[in-house]
Structure formats: structure tokens, C-alpha cells
Amino acid sequence: MPARWSNYQICSAWFCIAVIVIAMVNLVLAARIAQTEKSPPIPLDLAKQNFALAEQLASADDGKLWKMSLRGPLLFADAKSRFVVANQPDLHGQLMNSQDVWTGTLPPDIQIANTSLEWSGIRWTMVVWGALAASVYDRGKLLMHESMHRIQPELGFAAASPSNAHLDAEEGRIWMRLEMRALAEAMIWKGERQLAAAGHAMTFRAMRHARVGETAAREESALEFNEGICEYTGFKLCGLPTTAIVQRVAVDLAEREQGENFSRSFAYGTGTAICLLLDVYDDGWRSDVANTPDLAARLAKALSVDLSAGIEKRSQEFARLYQGHEVFAEEASRRIEREKRLADLRERFIDGRVLRIDTGPHFRFSFNPNTAQTIDANRVVHTPFSGSDQWGTIDAPEGAMIDFNSPMCVVLPIPENTTVEKLPWKLELAEGYRLDVSDNTNWQVIREKK
């Protein structure tokens, strides 16, 4: 080896090092690309495991609960990428076979949510991939709940979603909280103590309905049919023994009773508890449920609870058994805070500078039922909000209001310093539609004239 390298040798050595470095970089990049290609947003092996879980739970029931199997088309959707994995092919070739499952991408006009939907010739159960919990029983409950939504129409259950605005006001909340406390007691006990607690719950409900009116009572029943029955189905078929189910429902009711928003969330708790009590006191209820307009009324009849007179006096007496004084005081205080909150919501969504988007027959939106805030019976604020229609799609992390008055529309507040170039929401308009800002106070999405 020479004592001193020539310039030629030095250059050759650096060249070799550079070639080696470049080769290593290329190998790393190639490995990363290959890894990306092998790792879709939803891991296919985990999707298969959850498809197998859904199949196992539906097969274990074998149609016994509702005289109809919950087996069927199921897809998991990734909210960010819109990537989907399905357990079967679609009818229009939108999905491709990949390792014995079917994968593809949902079009932008389909809202990704835990729900049922018609797409590509199939009625699917859709589950958001990120919503699947670590617990096998919680995953099973969600899978069976959403599978029930898919077969709902065939069983004659209306998929209603009323606002239940009265449950955000003082009277509605007081007697709903006491009902939840009594239902939780009824889940814990058997025999006479269960019978008494269930009767107290139905008395509290009768008291609430006497205060809020028949229309509000029908809204509660409609949501319990839509979400309560599905949540009950999820619990019944998730694989837990009955003793564990009633304990979990009791805990769920206790947690919900402390919540801030009942209007869209109460039915998951009360509906499930009422259905479980009907299993005990009216074992034929499921075969006739499509002809039962009010699950709670059916339970009250099965319990032989007299709701014809003396409701106020008995409700006040029973309230003492469930720390009613505590509930009355808390809700009186909350009323003051609610008035401030309502004033803020009205200022932002009704009186302030807003974007109004009229909805059409293809309007779909997703929301969190635990954060829904009712301004009144026809206006509900959802935070966050995501919606789609023929005009395009919108994602509003800070929330949007659905105004159910005719014409039904989506309303979004326009913060100060908002410009067309700097919007606070992600608005993607379909071809032929544009954002009209000619009225600075009321922006609109309009269809361009041909």
C-alpha cells in the first residue's frame, strides 16, 4: 500500500463510498415503498379477524333473537384515507379481491360513520375502523349493533333520529336523570327490588312526559326504537353472559346520567335497559315489537304500574330514594349555565355571520351523539360535523348546526378574518357549484347557471 494516496486513488475511494451510500439509500427507500404497499390503512389480517368475530357472533345467535340472521355484508372504513375492506364483493366492481377480502376506496359523497348504507348494489353494515375497541366484547357489541341497523327495515323498525330538545332543558333532564338512576338499580337487582326500581323508572318517565308533552314523548320512543333496540342487540350478542351484561348496562347508565347532553345519547342507555327488563317481564315482546309504538309503555303495562293518577306525588316520594334533592339542585344551577350557552350558540349560528347550505335528497352527515347540543326542537349543533350532498362535502371540526326548518340547511359560523382563500372548514364543492359571498352576512353555496 503506498504511503500516500494519489489524487486519483482518493477520488476513486470517494466515488466508491458515494456509490455505496446511494445504493443503501435506494435500498431503504425501496424497503419503505414496499412496506407502504404492504401496509394499507386497515391491516388486512386484523380486518379478517374482526370479520371472523362478526361471523362467529351472528352464527352463535343463528337468527334466534330477531328471527333473522345478522350475518351479511360488512365493511370497515378508514375515515382519513376512505380506504375500505369488505367481507364480500360488491355488485358493480368497485372492490377488488385482496388476500381473501375485498378492498377499495369510498367515493367522497359517502359519509364514513358507524351505520348502514346502500352502496354499489349492496346494503352494507359500515363500521369506522378507528371505532373498534381493544376489548373483544366491546368490538362484538359494536359489530352486532351496526349489523342490526342493516336489517332494521326488514323488521319494521323506523330509523328515526328526532332532536329530543326537551332533554336539554331543566324538567326533561331532572326526570331523565332520576329514570336512569332507577333503571340502573333495576339492572343490579332481581325479584321484588328489581320490580320496584323498574316501576320507579316508569313513574319518573310518566312525570317527565306530563311536563314536556306528548310530542316529546313520541320523540323519545322513536329514538329508543332506532338506537336503543340496536344497542340492546349489541349487548345481547356480544358474547358476555347475562350477569355481566346487566352490570355493564348499569354502569353505562350511571355514566350517562352524569353527561351534559342527553338529547341524542339517552336512548343507548334507557332503551337497552327497558329491552332487558322486557326480557324478564314480557318474554314475547320481540315477536310483536314492530306493533309496539312505545317500549316503555309496554314495560309499564307488563309491570302493572298504575300511571293513571297521582304521578306527581309518587314521583316526588320516589325521588327521595335516588337523591332527588341533589338532582334538583344541580339542574337548577345548570339552567343558568345553559341559558348562557344557548345565548352563545344563537349568537354564533343564528344571529351572526354564517354560511347556509341548503340540503337535498342526498344529504348525509355524521356526528357524535354525546356532543349534540339542541338550540330548540328544530335546530341542533353537532361538534365536530361532517356532511355531504349533491353540492359536495364539508368537514367542520368546530361544529355546524342542522336547521330542520324548511328548507332544511346546514349552518356554519364565519369567524372574523375569514376569506374565500382562508376558510375555517374543509369545503369541497362538486362541479357546477360555487361559494357565493356577495352577501357578506349570509354566504351560500349555489348552483351555477348553465
Protein backbone atom coordinates (compact mmCIF):
# COMPACT_ATOMS: atom_id res chain seq x y z
CA MET A 1 0.00 0.00 0.00
CA PRO A 2 1.50 3.36 -0.91
CA ALA A 3 2.42 5.66 1.94
CA ARG A 4 0.45 8.45 0.38
CA TRP A 5 -2.59 8.05 -1.90
CA SER A 6 -2.64 9.80 -5.22
CA ASN A 7 -5.44 12.19 -6.09
CA TYR A 8 -6.74 9.54 -8.43
CA GLN A 9 -6.90 6.96 -5.66
CA ILE A 10 -8.62 9.41 -3.32
CA CYS A 11 -11.22 10.30 -5.94
CA SER A 12 -11.79 6.61 -6.68
CA ALA A 13 -12.30 5.88 -3.00
CA TRP A 14 -14.81 8.71 -2.58
CA PHE A 15 -16.61 7.57 -5.71
CA CYS A 16 -16.92 4.05 -4.31
CA ILE A 17 -18.22 5.40 -0.99
CA ALA A 18 -20.77 7.55 -2.81
CA VAL A 19 -21.97 4.59 -4.86
CA ILE A 20 -22.35 2.51 -1.70
CA VAL A 21 -24.27 5.31 0.12
CA ILE A 22 -26.58 5.84 -2.85
CA ALA A 23 -27.21 2.12 -3.07
CA MET A 24 -28.02 1.95 0.64
CA VAL A 25 -30.38 4.93 0.38
CA ASN A 26 -32.13 3.31 -2.57
CA LEU A 27 -32.48 0.08 -0.63
CA VAL A 28 -34.02 1.92 2.33
CA LEU A 29 -36.41 3.82 0.06
CA ALA A 30 -37.35 0.66 -1.77
CA ALA A 31 -37.96 -1.09 1.53
CA ARG A 32 -40.15 1.80 2.72
CA ILE A 33 -42.12 1.84 -0.52
CA ALA A 34 -42.59 -1.90 -0.33
CA GLN A 35 -43.64 -1.63 3.31
CA THR A 36 -46.15 1.13 2.41
CA GLU A 37 -47.55 -1.03 -0.36
CA LYS A 38 -47.89 -3.96 2.06
CA SER A 39 -49.43 -1.86 4.83
CA PRO A 40 -52.79 -0.39 3.82
CA PRO A 41 -54.57 1.97 6.25
CA ILE A 42 -56.54 -1.02 7.54
CA PRO A 43 -54.34 -4.09 8.16
CA LEU A 44 -56.00 -6.90 6.22
CA ASP A 45 -55.14 -9.58 8.77
CA LEU A 46 -56.83 -7.58 11.56
CA ALA A 47 -59.82 -6.90 9.33
CA LYS A 48 -60.14 -10.65 8.75
CA GLN A 49 -60.09 -11.27 12.50
CA ASN A 50 -62.95 -8.84 13.02
CA PHE A 51 -64.92 -10.26 10.09
CA ALA A 52 -64.49 -13.65 11.75
CA LEU A 53 -65.69 -12.21 15.07
CA ALA A 54 -68.83 -10.80 13.45
CA GLU A 55 -69.47 -14.14 11.73
CA GLN A 56 -68.91 -16.04 14.97
CA LEU A 57 -71.34 -13.89 16.97
CA ALA A 58 -74.02 -13.90 14.28
CA SER A 59 -73.66 -17.68 13.87
CA ALA A 60 -73.94 -18.23 17.62
CA ASP A 61 -77.27 -16.38 17.56
CA ASP A 62 -78.35 -18.00 14.27
CA GLY A 63 -81.35 -15.68 13.99
CA LYS A 64 -82.86 -16.64 17.34
CA LEU A 65 -83.04 -13.12 18.79
CA TRP A 66 -84.94 -11.46 15.93
CA LYS A 67 -85.94 -14.44 13.75
CA MET A 68 -83.42 -13.13 11.22
CA SER A 69 -79.68 -13.66 10.98
CA LEU A 70 -77.33 -10.72 11.44
CA ARG A 71 -74.83 -12.26 9.03
CA GLY A 72 -74.33 -10.13 5.98
CA PRO A 73 -72.29 -7.59 4.04
CA LEU A 74 -69.85 -5.79 6.32
CA LEU A 75 -67.17 -3.23 5.55
CA PHE A 76 -64.60 -1.38 7.60
CA ALA A 77 -63.75 2.17 6.55
CA ASP A 78 -60.76 4.36 7.33
CA ALA A 79 -62.05 7.90 7.85
CA LYS A 80 -58.86 9.65 6.71
CA SER A 81 -57.99 7.74 3.53
CA ARG A 82 -61.52 6.44 2.73
CA PHE A 83 -59.93 3.02 2.24
CA VAL A 84 -62.39 0.16 2.84
CA VAL A 85 -62.12 -3.55 3.47
CA ALA A 86 -65.23 -5.67 2.92
CA ASN A 87 -66.13 -9.26 3.67
CA GLN A 88 -67.64 -9.81 0.21
CA PRO A 89 -67.59 -8.32 -3.29
CA ASP A 90 -69.92 -5.55 -4.35
CA LEU A 91 -72.17 -5.80 -7.43
CA HIS A 92 -70.61 -3.04 -9.54
CA GLY A 93 -66.93 -3.95 -9.37
CA GLN A 94 -65.80 -1.14 -7.08
CA LEU A 95 -63.90 -3.56 -4.82
CA MET A 96 -61.06 -5.90 -5.72
CA ASN A 97 -60.07 -9.20 -4.16
CA SER A 98 -57.03 -8.91 -1.91
CA GLN A 99 -55.94 -11.79 0.34
CA ASP A 100 -59.49 -13.18 0.55
CA VAL A 101 -61.10 -9.86 1.44
CA TRP A 102 -62.25 -7.05 -0.86
CA THR A 103 -60.67 -3.62 -0.81
CA GLY A 104 -61.32 -0.26 -2.42
CA THR A 105 -61.98 3.42 -1.81
CA LEU A 106 -65.30 5.01 -0.91
CA PRO A 107 -66.38 7.96 -3.08
CA PRO A 108 -66.35 11.40 -1.39
CA ASP A 109 -70.14 11.70 -1.29
CA ILE A 110 -70.47 8.83 1.21
CA GLN A 111 -70.23 9.76 4.87
CA ILE A 112 -67.97 7.45 6.84
CA ALA A 113 -69.71 6.52 10.08
CA ASN A 114 -70.95 3.59 12.13
CA THR A 115 -74.14 2.98 10.21
CA SER A 116 -75.82 1.03 7.43
CA LEU A 117 -75.71 2.21 3.83
CA GLU A 118 -76.65 1.36 0.27
CA TRP A 119 -73.57 1.37 -1.96
CA SER A 120 -72.55 -0.33 -5.18
CA GLY A 121 -75.67 -2.51 -5.27
CA ILE A 122 -75.39 -3.81 -1.68
CA ARG A 123 -76.87 -2.80 1.67
CA TRP A 124 -73.84 -2.82 3.97
CA THR A 125 -73.06 -2.60 7.65
CA MET A 126 -70.33 0.06 7.87
CA VAL A 127 -68.00 0.34 10.87
CA VAL A 128 -65.34 3.01 11.22
CA TRP A 129 -62.05 1.19 11.70
CA GLY A 130 -60.89 3.53 14.46
CA ALA A 131 -64.09 2.87 16.46
CA LEU A 132 -63.23 -0.79 17.11
CA ALA A 133 -62.16 -1.13 20.74
CA ALA A 134 -59.43 -3.34 22.18
CA SER A 135 -61.95 -5.40 24.18
CA VAL A 136 -63.37 -8.26 22.14
CA TYR A 137 -66.76 -7.78 23.83
CA ASP A 138 -66.90 -4.06 23.04
CA ARG A 139 -65.94 -4.82 19.45
CA GLY A 140 -68.59 -7.50 19.28
CA LYS A 141 -71.22 -5.15 20.69
CA LEU A 142 -70.46 -2.51 18.05
CA LEU A 143 -70.45 -5.05 15.22
CA MET A 144 -73.80 -6.51 16.26
CA HIS A 145 -75.31 -3.05 16.95
CA GLU A 146 -74.47 -1.84 13.46
CA SER A 147 -75.49 -5.15 11.87
CA MET A 148 -78.89 -4.67 13.49
CA HIS A 149 -79.19 -1.28 11.80
CA ARG A 150 -78.69 -3.05 8.46
CA ILE A 151 -81.65 -5.42 8.95
CA GLN A 152 -83.81 -2.83 10.74
CA PRO A 153 -86.02 -2.02 7.73
CA GLU A 154 -86.86 -5.69 7.17
CA LEU A 155 -88.00 -5.97 10.80
CA GLY A 156 -90.20 -2.89 10.54
CA PHE A 157 -88.17 -0.59 12.82
CA ALA A 158 -88.18 3.01 11.65
CA ALA A 159 -84.75 4.65 11.56
CA ALA A 160 -85.89 7.90 13.17
CA SER A 161 -83.50 10.45 14.66
CA PRO A 162 -85.58 13.20 16.37
CA SER A 163 -83.91 16.05 18.24
CA ASN A 164 -85.41 15.42 21.71
CA ALA A 165 -84.61 19.04 22.54
CA HIS A 166 -86.63 18.87 25.76
CA LEU A 167 -83.93 16.66 27.28
CA ASP A 168 -81.56 19.59 27.33
CA ALA A 169 -83.96 21.66 29.47
CA GLU A 170 -84.32 21.50 33.24
CA GLU A 171 -87.56 19.50 33.56
CA GLY A 172 -86.54 16.97 30.94
CA ARG A 173 -83.12 16.44 32.48
CA ILE A 174 -84.34 16.11 36.08
CA TRP A 175 -86.72 13.29 35.39
CA MET A 176 -84.44 11.62 32.83
CA ARG A 177 -81.61 11.53 35.37
CA LEU A 178 -83.89 10.02 38.00
CA GLU A 179 -85.20 7.49 35.48
CA MET A 180 -81.62 6.48 34.63
CA ARG A 181 -80.80 6.05 38.32
CA ALA A 182 -83.84 3.84 38.84
CA LEU A 183 -83.10 1.79 35.69
CA ALA A 184 -79.52 1.26 36.89
CA GLU A 185 -80.94 -0.08 40.20
CA ALA A 186 -83.26 -2.37 38.26
CA MET A 187 -80.25 -3.79 36.38
CA ILE A 188 -78.45 -4.62 39.63
CA TRP A 189 -81.25 -6.41 41.48
CA LYS A 190 -83.67 -9.27 40.85
CA GLY A 191 -87.10 -10.06 42.23
CA GLU A 192 -89.01 -7.51 44.29
CA ARG A 193 -86.22 -4.90 44.35
CA GLN A 194 -85.90 -5.02 40.59
CA LEU A 195 -89.67 -4.79 40.16
CA ALA A 196 -89.84 -1.76 42.47
CA ALA A 197 -86.93 0.08 40.79
CA ALA A 198 -88.34 -0.58 37.31
CA GLY A 199 -91.69 0.79 38.47
CA HIS A 200 -89.99 3.90 39.83
CA ALA A 201 -88.28 4.42 36.48
CA MET A 202 -91.57 4.22 34.62
CA THR A 203 -93.16 6.63 37.09
CA PHE A 204 -90.35 9.15 36.56
CA ARG A 205 -90.87 8.79 32.81
CA ALA A 206 -94.61 9.41 33.16
CA MET A 207 -93.82 12.51 35.25
CA ARG A 208 -91.43 13.80 32.59
CA HIS A 209 -93.94 13.24 29.81
CA ALA A 210 -96.63 15.04 31.81
CA ARG A 211 -94.31 18.04 31.94
CA VAL A 212 -92.90 18.01 28.38
CA GLY A 213 -95.92 16.83 26.37
CA GLU A 214 -96.96 14.04 24.02
CA THR A 215 -94.86 15.14 21.05
CA ALA A 216 -91.69 14.97 23.14
CA ALA A 217 -92.74 11.57 24.48
CA ARG A 218 -93.11 10.24 20.92
CA GLU A 219 -89.65 11.56 20.04
CA GLU A 220 -88.11 9.64 22.93
CA SER A 221 -89.84 6.44 21.89
CA ALA A 222 -88.74 6.88 18.26
CA LEU A 223 -85.06 7.20 19.20
CA GLU A 224 -85.26 4.23 21.57
CA PHE A 225 -86.62 2.14 18.70
CA ASN A 226 -83.79 3.28 16.45
CA GLU A 227 -80.78 3.21 18.78
CA GLY A 228 -81.98 1.52 21.96
CA ILE A 229 -83.03 -1.72 20.28
CA CYS A 230 -79.76 -1.84 18.30
CA GLU A 231 -77.67 -1.25 21.44
CA TYR A 232 -79.66 -3.95 23.25
CA THR A 233 -78.93 -6.30 20.34
CA GLY A 234 -75.23 -5.44 20.56
CA PHE A 235 -75.15 -6.29 24.26
CA LYS A 236 -77.18 -9.48 23.88
CA LEU A 237 -74.97 -10.90 21.13
CA CYS A 238 -71.50 -9.61 22.12
CA GLY A 239 -70.58 -12.85 23.89
CA LEU A 240 -70.94 -11.71 27.50
CA PRO A 241 -73.04 -13.73 29.97
CA THR A 242 -76.32 -12.11 31.06
CA THR A 243 -74.99 -11.30 34.54
CA ALA A 244 -72.12 -9.30 33.03
CA ILE A 245 -74.44 -7.57 30.53
CA VAL A 246 -76.78 -6.14 33.16
CA GLN A 247 -73.82 -4.98 35.24
CA ARG A 248 -72.31 -3.18 32.25
CA VAL A 249 -75.64 -1.57 31.39
CA ALA A 250 -75.98 -0.37 34.99
CA VAL A 251 -72.51 1.22 34.82
CA ASP A 252 -73.31 2.73 31.43
CA LEU A 253 -76.50 4.31 32.79
CA ALA A 254 -74.64 5.74 35.78
CA GLU A 255 -72.07 7.32 33.47
CA ARG A 256 -74.67 8.66 31.03
CA GLU A 257 -76.68 10.18 33.88
CA GLN A 258 -73.73 12.46 34.63
CA GLY A 259 -73.44 13.59 31.00
CA GLU A 260 -74.03 17.06 29.60
CA ASN A 261 -76.08 16.09 26.54
CA PHE A 262 -78.98 13.63 26.66
CA SER A 263 -80.91 14.59 23.53
CA ARG A 264 -79.21 12.14 21.14
CA SER A 265 -77.47 9.80 23.58
CA PHE A 266 -80.03 8.80 26.23
CA ALA A 267 -81.63 6.03 24.16
CA TYR A 268 -78.48 3.88 24.10
CA GLY A 269 -78.83 3.53 27.88
CA THR A 270 -82.57 3.68 28.61
CA GLY A 271 -83.58 1.70 25.52
CA THR A 272 -81.18 -1.13 26.34
CA ALA A 273 -82.33 -1.31 29.97
CA ILE A 274 -86.02 -1.29 29.02
CA CYS A 275 -85.46 -4.10 26.50
CA LEU A 276 -83.60 -6.18 29.09
CA LEU A 277 -86.45 -5.67 31.57
CA LEU A 278 -88.95 -6.69 28.89
CA ASP A 279 -86.99 -9.92 28.54
CA VAL A 280 -87.78 -10.58 32.21
CA TYR A 281 -91.38 -9.38 32.43
CA ASP A 282 -92.74 -9.83 28.87
CA ASP A 283 -90.86 -12.64 27.13
CA GLY A 284 -92.95 -12.38 23.96
CA TRP A 285 -92.20 -8.71 23.28
CA ARG A 286 -89.67 -9.22 20.48
CA SER A 287 -92.07 -11.19 18.28
CA ASP A 288 -94.53 -8.28 18.41
CA VAL A 289 -92.19 -5.33 18.71
CA ALA A 290 -92.97 -3.85 15.28
CA ASN A 291 -96.54 -3.29 16.52
CA THR A 292 -95.39 -1.70 19.79
CA PRO A 293 -95.25 2.09 19.39
CA ASP A 294 -93.73 2.67 22.86
CA LEU A 295 -91.34 0.23 24.55
CA ALA A 296 -91.58 1.97 27.92
CA ALA A 297 -95.39 1.90 27.86
CA ARG A 298 -95.24 -1.82 27.14
CA LEU A 299 -92.89 -2.32 30.08
CA ALA A 300 -95.13 -0.29 32.39
CA LYS A 301 -98.06 -2.50 31.38
CA ALA A 302 -96.02 -5.67 31.97
CA LEU A 303 -95.04 -4.35 35.41
CA SER A 304 -98.67 -3.41 36.20
CA VAL A 305 -97.54 0.12 37.09
CA ASP A 306 -100.52 2.44 37.55
CA LEU A 307 -99.76 5.66 35.68
CA SER A 308 -103.30 6.97 35.61
CA ALA A 309 -103.19 9.33 38.61
CA GLY A 310 -101.05 10.66 41.44
CA ILE A 311 -97.91 10.72 39.31
CA GLU A 312 -96.52 13.97 40.71
CA LYS A 313 -96.91 12.94 44.35
CA ARG A 314 -95.43 9.48 43.80
CA SER A 315 -92.57 10.87 41.70
CA GLN A 316 -91.60 13.27 44.45
CA GLU A 317 -91.73 10.45 47.00
CA PHE A 318 -89.67 8.08 44.86
CA ALA A 319 -87.16 10.84 44.06
CA ARG A 320 -86.04 10.79 47.69
CA LEU A 321 -84.87 7.20 47.19
CA TYR A 322 -82.48 8.35 44.44
CA GLN A 323 -81.04 11.54 45.99
CA GLY A 324 -83.56 13.65 44.11
CA HIS A 325 -82.66 16.79 46.08
CA GLU A 326 -79.16 16.57 44.61
CA VAL A 327 -80.53 16.32 41.07
CA PHE A 328 -82.97 19.22 41.56
CA ALA A 329 -80.20 21.49 42.85
CA GLU A 330 -77.70 20.55 40.14
CA GLU A 331 -80.20 21.09 37.35
CA ALA A 332 -81.33 24.46 38.71
CA SER A 333 -77.69 25.56 38.61
CA ARG A 334 -77.19 24.07 35.16
CA ARG A 335 -80.20 26.01 33.85
CA ILE A 336 -78.33 29.27 34.40
CA GLU A 337 -75.26 27.94 32.58
CA ARG A 338 -77.46 26.57 29.79
CA GLU A 339 -79.00 29.98 29.22
CA LYS A 340 -75.52 31.44 28.74
CA ARG A 341 -74.56 28.59 26.42
CA LEU A 342 -77.74 28.98 24.37
CA ALA A 343 -77.08 32.71 24.03
CA ASP A 344 -73.61 31.93 22.68
CA LEU A 345 -74.93 29.32 20.23
CA ARG A 346 -77.62 31.70 18.98
CA GLU A 347 -75.07 34.46 18.50
CA ARG A 348 -72.77 32.17 16.52
CA PHE A 349 -75.24 30.12 14.47
CA ILE A 350 -78.37 32.28 14.15
CA ASP A 351 -77.64 35.98 14.67
CA GLY A 352 -74.06 36.11 13.43
CA ARG A 353 -72.32 35.91 10.07
CA VAL A 354 -72.92 32.41 8.69
CA LEU A 355 -72.67 30.13 5.69
CA ARG A 356 -76.00 28.48 4.87
CA ILE A 357 -76.10 25.40 2.65
CA ASP A 358 -79.50 24.08 1.60
CA THR A 359 -79.72 20.30 1.73
CA GLY A 360 -81.17 17.99 -0.89
CA PRO A 361 -82.39 14.38 -1.08
CA HIS A 362 -78.83 13.02 -0.98
CA PHE A 363 -77.82 14.81 2.22
CA ARG A 364 -75.90 12.65 4.70
CA PHE A 365 -73.98 13.64 7.81
CA SER A 366 -72.08 12.02 10.67
CA PHE A 367 -71.90 13.22 14.25
CA ASN A 368 -71.19 12.29 17.85
CA PRO A 369 -74.48 11.78 19.74
CA ASN A 370 -72.78 12.63 23.03
CA THR A 371 -71.89 16.18 21.92
CA ALA A 372 -75.15 17.19 20.19
CA GLN A 373 -76.49 20.49 21.59
CA THR A 374 -80.09 21.47 20.91
CA ILE A 375 -80.95 25.14 20.50
CA ASP A 376 -84.62 24.30 20.04
CA ALA A 377 -86.73 21.48 18.62
CA ASN A 378 -85.63 22.20 15.03
CA ARG A 379 -82.02 23.33 15.43
CA VAL A 380 -79.19 21.12 16.66
CA VAL A 381 -75.46 21.89 16.81
CA HIS A 382 -73.07 18.99 16.17
CA THR A 383 -69.37 19.21 17.05
CA PRO A 384 -67.46 18.07 15.08
CA PHE A 385 -69.53 17.88 11.89
CA SER A 386 -69.05 16.14 8.56
CA GLY A 387 -71.63 16.15 5.76
CA SER A 388 -72.16 15.54 2.06
CA ASP A 389 -74.81 16.25 -0.54
CA GLN A 390 -75.10 16.84 -4.27
CA TRP A 391 -73.19 20.11 -3.77
CA GLY A 392 -70.11 18.37 -2.36
CA THR A 393 -68.65 17.69 1.09
CA ILE A 394 -67.87 19.71 4.20
CA ASP A 395 -65.85 18.96 7.34
CA ALA A 396 -66.18 21.40 10.23
CA PRO A 397 -64.15 20.44 13.34
CA GLU A 398 -65.61 23.42 15.24
CA GLY A 399 -69.16 22.29 14.53
CA ALA A 400 -72.19 23.06 12.39
CA MET A 401 -75.90 23.48 13.03
CA ILE A 402 -78.60 21.48 11.29
CA ASP A 403 -81.66 23.65 10.84
CA PHE A 404 -84.58 21.30 10.22
CA ASN A 405 -86.95 24.13 9.36
CA SER A 406 -87.96 24.20 5.69
CA PRO A 407 -85.83 24.34 3.68
CA MET A 408 -83.52 22.18 5.77
CA CYS A 409 -79.98 23.54 5.77
CA VAL A 410 -76.51 23.29 7.28
CA VAL A 411 -75.34 26.45 9.05
CA LEU A 412 -71.70 27.24 9.82
CA PRO A 413 -70.47 30.34 11.66
CA ILE A 414 -67.98 32.52 9.78
CA PRO A 415 -65.27 33.71 12.19
CA GLU A 416 -63.71 37.13 11.86
CA ASN A 417 -60.98 37.44 9.20
CA THR A 418 -62.42 34.54 7.20
CA THR A 419 -61.87 34.89 3.47
CA VAL A 420 -62.60 32.69 0.48
CA GLU A 421 -58.90 31.84 0.41
CA LYS A 422 -58.79 31.07 4.15
CA LEU A 423 -61.83 29.07 5.24
CA PRO A 424 -62.21 27.59 8.75
CA TRP A 425 -63.74 24.41 7.31
CA LYS A 426 -62.83 21.99 4.56
CA LEU A 427 -65.36 22.67 1.81
CA GLU A 428 -65.06 20.70 -1.42
CA LEU A 429 -67.71 21.65 -3.97
CA ALA A 430 -68.95 19.41 -6.75
CA GLU A 431 -68.76 20.53 -10.35
CA GLY A 432 -71.38 23.17 -11.11
CA TYR A 433 -71.50 24.62 -7.58
CA ARG A 434 -69.73 27.64 -6.12
CA LEU A 435 -69.44 29.62 -2.90
CA ASP A 436 -71.45 32.85 -3.13
CA VAL A 437 -70.14 35.59 -0.80
CA SER A 438 -71.97 38.52 -2.36
CA ASP A 439 -73.98 38.93 0.86
CA ASN A 440 -71.22 39.37 3.44
CA THR A 441 -73.51 38.37 6.32
CA ASN A 442 -75.00 35.25 4.73
CA TRP A 443 -72.74 33.22 2.48
CA GLN A 444 -74.32 30.46 0.39
CA VAL A 445 -73.45 27.53 -1.81
CA ILE A 446 -75.30 27.97 -5.09
CA ARG A 447 -75.59 26.10 -8.34
CA GLU A 448 -74.11 27.89 -11.32
CA LYS A 449 -76.46 28.68 -14.15
CA LYS A 450 -75.78 26.83 -17.38
